[in-house]
Amino acid sequence: MGKKMKSAMEKVEERQYPLREAVDLVKSSAYAKFDESVDLAIRLGVDPKRSDQMVRGTTSLPHGTGKKLRVLVFAKGEKEQEARQAGADYVGSDDLMEKIKGGWMDFDCAISTPDLMAAVGKLGKVLGPRGLMPNPKTGTVTFEVGKAVGEIRKGRVEYKVEKAGIVQVPVGKVSFKAEQLFDNASAILEAVVKAKPSSCKGRYLKSVTLSSTMGPGVRLDAVALTKQWS
């Protein structure tokens, strides 16, 4: 362990912090020379193997993620033009699919009109593992492609529970003001708490940790957060 990491860890006590205090601590303990990302790791009391306990959705961050996302849209005709006018980085159909089949993956999120999903679905083995497959549940399969591109540009993020029952979502950058990180983290936590499956019994938020890319994790008071938005 390096001296900087050791010094950062010494600032974090073995207790659960209120969100505002945790944000300040994450900012003060960040030490990397680059602008670190700040992320939430939320462990849920669900069984991801059960379809009725899959937690997945999207929410908009009030202050964005601090990262410019490269948006790809599968569309034709008028919808292709709509996507371009909305600011999508890459727009097309068969041409883009062929590039992806050839190994090209220079984009961060993908949107598709419903009429092209039969063809896009054939890219599942490539896009699926990377979390890039368009999905109606996250608003990325839609004829309102201009609106979808705009929402992503403004800071819409996707959350999805992984096999281990953990949801990991970016909330911004260390350079953000503390209030901005607080607002973004609150938006995500509220969305995840409200997405609790009706079949989930017992404690839903098992643990919540806020951290920067290189910094130590700061544990949040999961019980208080659950009460706040339940």
Protein backbone atom coordinates (compact mmCIF):
# COMPACT_ATOMS: atom_id res chain seq x y z
CA MET A 1 0.00 0.00 0.00
CA GLY A 2 1.38 3.40 -0.99
CA LYS A 3 1.80 6.29 1.43
CA LYS A 4 -0.98 8.32 -0.21
CA MET A 5 -3.47 5.47 -0.01
CA LYS A 6 -2.50 4.74 3.59
CA SER A 7 -2.97 8.40 4.49
CA ALA A 8 -6.37 8.45 2.76
CA MET A 9 -7.54 5.31 4.57
CA GLU A 10 -6.57 6.78 7.93
CA LYS A 11 -9.17 9.51 7.38
CA VAL A 12 -12.00 6.98 7.15
CA GLU A 13 -13.36 5.67 10.44
CA GLU A 14 -14.93 2.23 10.92
CA ARG A 15 -18.49 3.48 11.01
CA GLN A 16 -21.41 4.33 8.75
CA TYR A 17 -21.59 7.92 7.57
CA PRO A 18 -24.49 10.19 6.58
CA LEU A 19 -24.40 10.90 2.83
CA ARG A 20 -23.33 14.56 3.14
CA GLU A 21 -20.44 13.69 5.41
CA ALA A 22 -19.41 10.79 3.16
CA VAL A 23 -19.26 13.06 0.12
CA ASP A 24 -16.94 15.48 1.91
CA LEU A 25 -14.75 12.60 3.06
CA VAL A 26 -14.48 11.08 -0.42
CA LYS A 27 -13.45 14.43 -1.87
CA SER A 28 -10.86 15.10 0.84
CA SER A 29 -9.34 11.59 0.66
CA ALA A 30 -8.93 11.55 -3.15
CA TYR A 31 -5.25 11.81 -4.03
CA ALA A 32 -4.75 10.81 -7.68
CA LYS A 33 -3.33 13.35 -10.11
CA PHE A 34 -6.27 12.86 -12.49
CA ASP A 35 -9.91 13.80 -11.91
CA GLU A 36 -11.18 10.61 -10.28
CA SER A 37 -14.69 9.30 -10.80
CA VAL A 38 -16.94 8.99 -7.76
CA ASP A 39 -19.09 5.85 -7.61
CA LEU A 40 -21.77 4.23 -5.51
CA ALA A 41 -21.68 0.50 -4.80
CA ILE A 42 -25.02 -0.72 -3.45
CA ARG A 43 -25.40 -4.31 -2.21
CA LEU A 44 -29.02 -5.42 -2.35
CA GLY A 45 -30.87 -8.18 -0.55
CA VAL A 46 -32.19 -9.68 -3.78
CA ASP A 47 -31.55 -12.83 -5.79
CA PRO A 48 -30.56 -11.64 -9.31
CA LYS A 49 -31.15 -15.18 -10.63
CA ARG A 50 -34.87 -14.68 -10.05
CA SER A 51 -36.54 -12.68 -12.80
CA ASP A 52 -38.97 -11.11 -10.31
CA GLN A 53 -36.05 -9.73 -8.28
CA MET A 54 -34.09 -8.13 -11.12
CA VAL A 55 -33.46 -4.49 -10.26
CA ARG A 56 -32.84 -2.41 -13.35
CA GLY A 57 -33.71 1.04 -14.60
CA THR A 58 -32.45 4.53 -15.38
CA THR A 59 -32.43 7.87 -13.64
CA SER A 60 -31.21 11.33 -14.53
CA LEU A 61 -28.39 12.89 -12.56
CA PRO A 62 -29.12 16.59 -11.83
CA HIS A 63 -25.51 17.53 -12.57
CA GLY A 64 -24.51 14.86 -15.11
CA THR A 65 -21.65 12.38 -14.76
CA GLY A 66 -18.82 14.67 -15.84
CA LYS A 67 -18.07 12.33 -18.72
CA LYS A 68 -18.94 12.95 -22.36
CA LEU A 69 -20.57 9.77 -23.58
CA ARG A 70 -20.32 8.61 -27.17
CA VAL A 71 -23.88 7.80 -28.25
CA LEU A 72 -24.68 5.39 -31.07
CA VAL A 73 -28.16 5.14 -32.60
CA PHE A 74 -29.49 2.38 -34.83
CA ALA A 75 -32.10 4.08 -36.99
CA LYS A 76 -33.24 4.66 -40.56
CA GLY A 77 -34.96 7.42 -42.50
CA GLU A 78 -36.53 10.25 -40.52
CA LYS A 79 -35.39 8.75 -37.22
CA GLU A 80 -31.82 8.69 -38.45
CA GLN A 81 -32.04 12.42 -39.16
CA GLU A 82 -33.69 13.04 -35.79
CA ALA A 83 -30.84 11.27 -34.01
CA ARG A 84 -28.22 13.30 -35.86
CA GLN A 85 -29.97 16.57 -35.03
CA ALA A 86 -30.10 15.55 -31.36
CA GLY A 87 -26.32 15.16 -31.31
CA ALA A 88 -25.75 11.41 -31.58
CA ASP A 89 -22.13 10.59 -32.38
CA TYR A 90 -22.87 7.65 -34.68
CA VAL A 91 -26.11 6.96 -36.55
CA GLY A 92 -26.93 4.22 -39.03
CA SER A 93 -28.18 0.67 -39.35
CA ASP A 94 -26.62 -2.13 -41.37
CA ASP A 95 -23.35 -0.23 -41.78
CA LEU A 96 -22.89 0.17 -38.01
CA MET A 97 -23.86 -3.43 -37.35
CA GLU A 98 -21.21 -4.65 -39.76
CA LYS A 99 -18.57 -2.45 -38.08
CA ILE A 100 -19.50 -3.86 -34.68
CA LYS A 101 -19.32 -7.42 -36.00
CA GLY A 102 -15.81 -6.55 -37.14
CA GLY A 103 -14.77 -5.54 -33.63
CA TRP A 104 -15.44 -1.78 -33.60
CA MET A 105 -16.73 -0.68 -30.18
CA ASP A 106 -15.88 3.03 -29.90
CA PHE A 107 -19.10 4.09 -28.19
CA ASP A 108 -20.46 4.18 -24.64
CA CYS A 109 -24.19 3.61 -25.11
CA ALA A 110 -26.51 2.42 -27.85
CA ILE A 111 -30.09 3.31 -28.76
CA SER A 112 -32.27 1.56 -31.33
CA THR A 113 -35.66 2.08 -32.89
CA PRO A 114 -37.94 -0.93 -32.24
CA ASP A 115 -38.14 -1.88 -35.93
CA LEU A 116 -34.39 -2.59 -36.05
CA MET A 117 -34.16 -4.67 -32.87
CA ALA A 118 -34.53 -7.99 -34.72
CA ALA A 119 -31.26 -7.23 -36.50
CA VAL A 120 -29.60 -5.53 -33.52
CA GLY A 121 -30.48 -8.55 -31.37
CA LYS A 122 -28.04 -10.63 -33.42
CA LEU A 123 -25.26 -8.55 -31.85
CA GLY A 124 -26.26 -9.73 -28.38
CA LYS A 125 -23.12 -11.78 -27.79
CA VAL A 126 -21.02 -8.69 -28.46
CA LEU A 127 -23.11 -5.91 -26.93
CA GLY A 128 -24.67 -7.83 -24.04
CA PRO A 129 -21.53 -8.58 -21.98
CA ARG A 130 -20.49 -4.93 -22.27
CA GLY A 131 -23.88 -3.64 -21.12
CA LEU A 132 -24.46 -1.95 -24.47
CA MET A 133 -27.51 -3.82 -25.75
CA PRO A 134 -30.50 -1.47 -26.21
CA ASN A 135 -33.34 -2.35 -23.85
CA PRO A 136 -36.92 -1.04 -23.56
CA LYS A 137 -36.62 -1.03 -19.73
CA THR A 138 -33.83 1.53 -19.89
CA GLY A 139 -35.45 3.67 -22.56
CA THR A 140 -32.90 2.77 -25.22
CA VAL A 141 -35.36 0.97 -27.49
CA THR A 142 -37.66 3.75 -28.64
CA PHE A 143 -38.90 5.69 -31.64
CA GLU A 144 -38.26 8.89 -29.65
CA VAL A 145 -34.55 8.73 -30.45
CA GLY A 146 -34.02 12.49 -30.19
CA LYS A 147 -35.44 12.55 -26.67
CA ALA A 148 -33.35 9.51 -25.66
CA VAL A 149 -30.13 11.07 -26.96
CA GLY A 150 -30.94 14.31 -25.14
CA GLU A 151 -31.56 12.55 -21.83
CA ILE A 152 -28.27 10.66 -22.06
CA ARG A 153 -26.45 13.88 -22.88
CA LYS A 154 -28.00 15.55 -19.81
CA GLY A 155 -26.82 12.81 -17.47
CA ARG A 156 -29.13 9.82 -17.57
CA VAL A 157 -27.46 6.74 -16.11
CA GLU A 158 -28.46 3.11 -16.00
CA TYR A 159 -28.40 0.98 -12.87
CA LYS A 160 -28.57 -2.81 -12.91
CA VAL A 161 -28.01 -5.40 -10.23
CA GLU A 162 -25.13 -7.75 -11.02
CA LYS A 163 -24.81 -11.47 -10.26
CA ALA A 164 -23.40 -10.76 -6.80
CA GLY A 165 -26.39 -8.58 -5.94
CA ILE A 166 -24.46 -5.32 -6.33
CA VAL A 167 -25.43 -2.18 -8.23
CA GLN A 168 -22.53 0.08 -9.24
CA VAL A 169 -23.27 3.56 -10.60
CA PRO A 170 -21.12 6.67 -11.25
CA VAL A 171 -22.25 9.83 -9.47
CA GLY A 172 -19.74 12.32 -10.89
CA LYS A 173 -16.14 13.43 -10.54
CA VAL A 174 -14.01 14.47 -7.56
CA SER A 175 -13.85 17.95 -9.10
CA PHE A 176 -17.63 18.32 -8.66
CA LYS A 177 -18.83 20.49 -5.80
CA ALA A 178 -19.90 18.51 -2.74
CA GLU A 179 -23.52 19.61 -3.23
CA GLN A 180 -23.49 18.33 -6.81
CA LEU A 181 -22.23 14.91 -5.75
CA PHE A 182 -24.79 14.84 -2.95
CA ASP A 183 -27.64 15.61 -5.38
CA ASN A 184 -26.48 13.01 -7.89
CA ALA A 185 -25.99 10.29 -5.26
CA SER A 186 -29.39 11.08 -3.78
CA ALA A 187 -31.06 10.71 -7.19
CA ILE A 188 -29.53 7.26 -7.66
CA LEU A 189 -30.29 6.04 -4.16
CA GLU A 190 -33.89 7.21 -4.38
CA ALA A 191 -34.35 5.44 -7.73
CA VAL A 192 -32.84 2.18 -6.48
CA VAL A 193 -34.86 2.20 -3.24
CA LYS A 194 -38.10 2.83 -5.14
CA ALA A 195 -37.23 0.02 -7.57
CA LYS A 196 -37.42 -2.56 -4.77
CA PRO A 197 -39.15 -5.68 -6.14
CA SER A 198 -42.40 -6.58 -4.37
CA SER A 199 -41.11 -10.15 -4.01
CA CYS A 200 -38.07 -8.98 -2.03
CA LYS A 201 -38.51 -9.71 1.66
CA GLY A 202 -36.30 -8.61 4.52
CA ARG A 203 -33.61 -5.97 4.33
CA TYR A 204 -33.29 -4.48 0.85
CA LEU A 205 -30.26 -2.17 1.14
CA LYS A 206 -27.61 -4.42 2.67
CA SER A 207 -24.76 -1.95 2.37
CA VAL A 208 -23.89 1.23 0.48
CA THR A 209 -20.36 2.48 -0.21
CA LEU A 210 -19.20 5.72 -1.81
CA SER A 211 -15.67 5.96 -3.19
CA SER A 212 -13.45 7.64 -5.75
CA THR A 213 -11.51 5.66 -8.35
CA MET A 214 -8.35 5.35 -6.28
CA GLY A 215 -9.60 6.33 -2.82
CA PRO A 216 -10.92 4.22 0.06
CA GLY A 217 -14.58 3.25 0.32
CA VAL A 218 -16.77 5.20 2.74
CA ARG A 219 -19.70 3.21 4.15
CA LEU A 220 -23.07 4.93 4.30
CA ASP A 221 -25.91 4.40 6.76
CA ALA A 222 -28.04 2.03 4.67
CA VAL A 223 -30.88 1.89 7.23
CA ALA A 224 -31.27 5.67 7.27
CA LEU A 225 -31.19 5.81 3.48
CA THR A 226 -33.89 3.15 3.24
CA LYS A 227 -36.15 5.05 5.64
CA GLN A 228 -35.59 8.30 3.77
CA TRP A 229 -36.97 7.06 0.45
CA SER A 230 -39.23 4.13 1.33
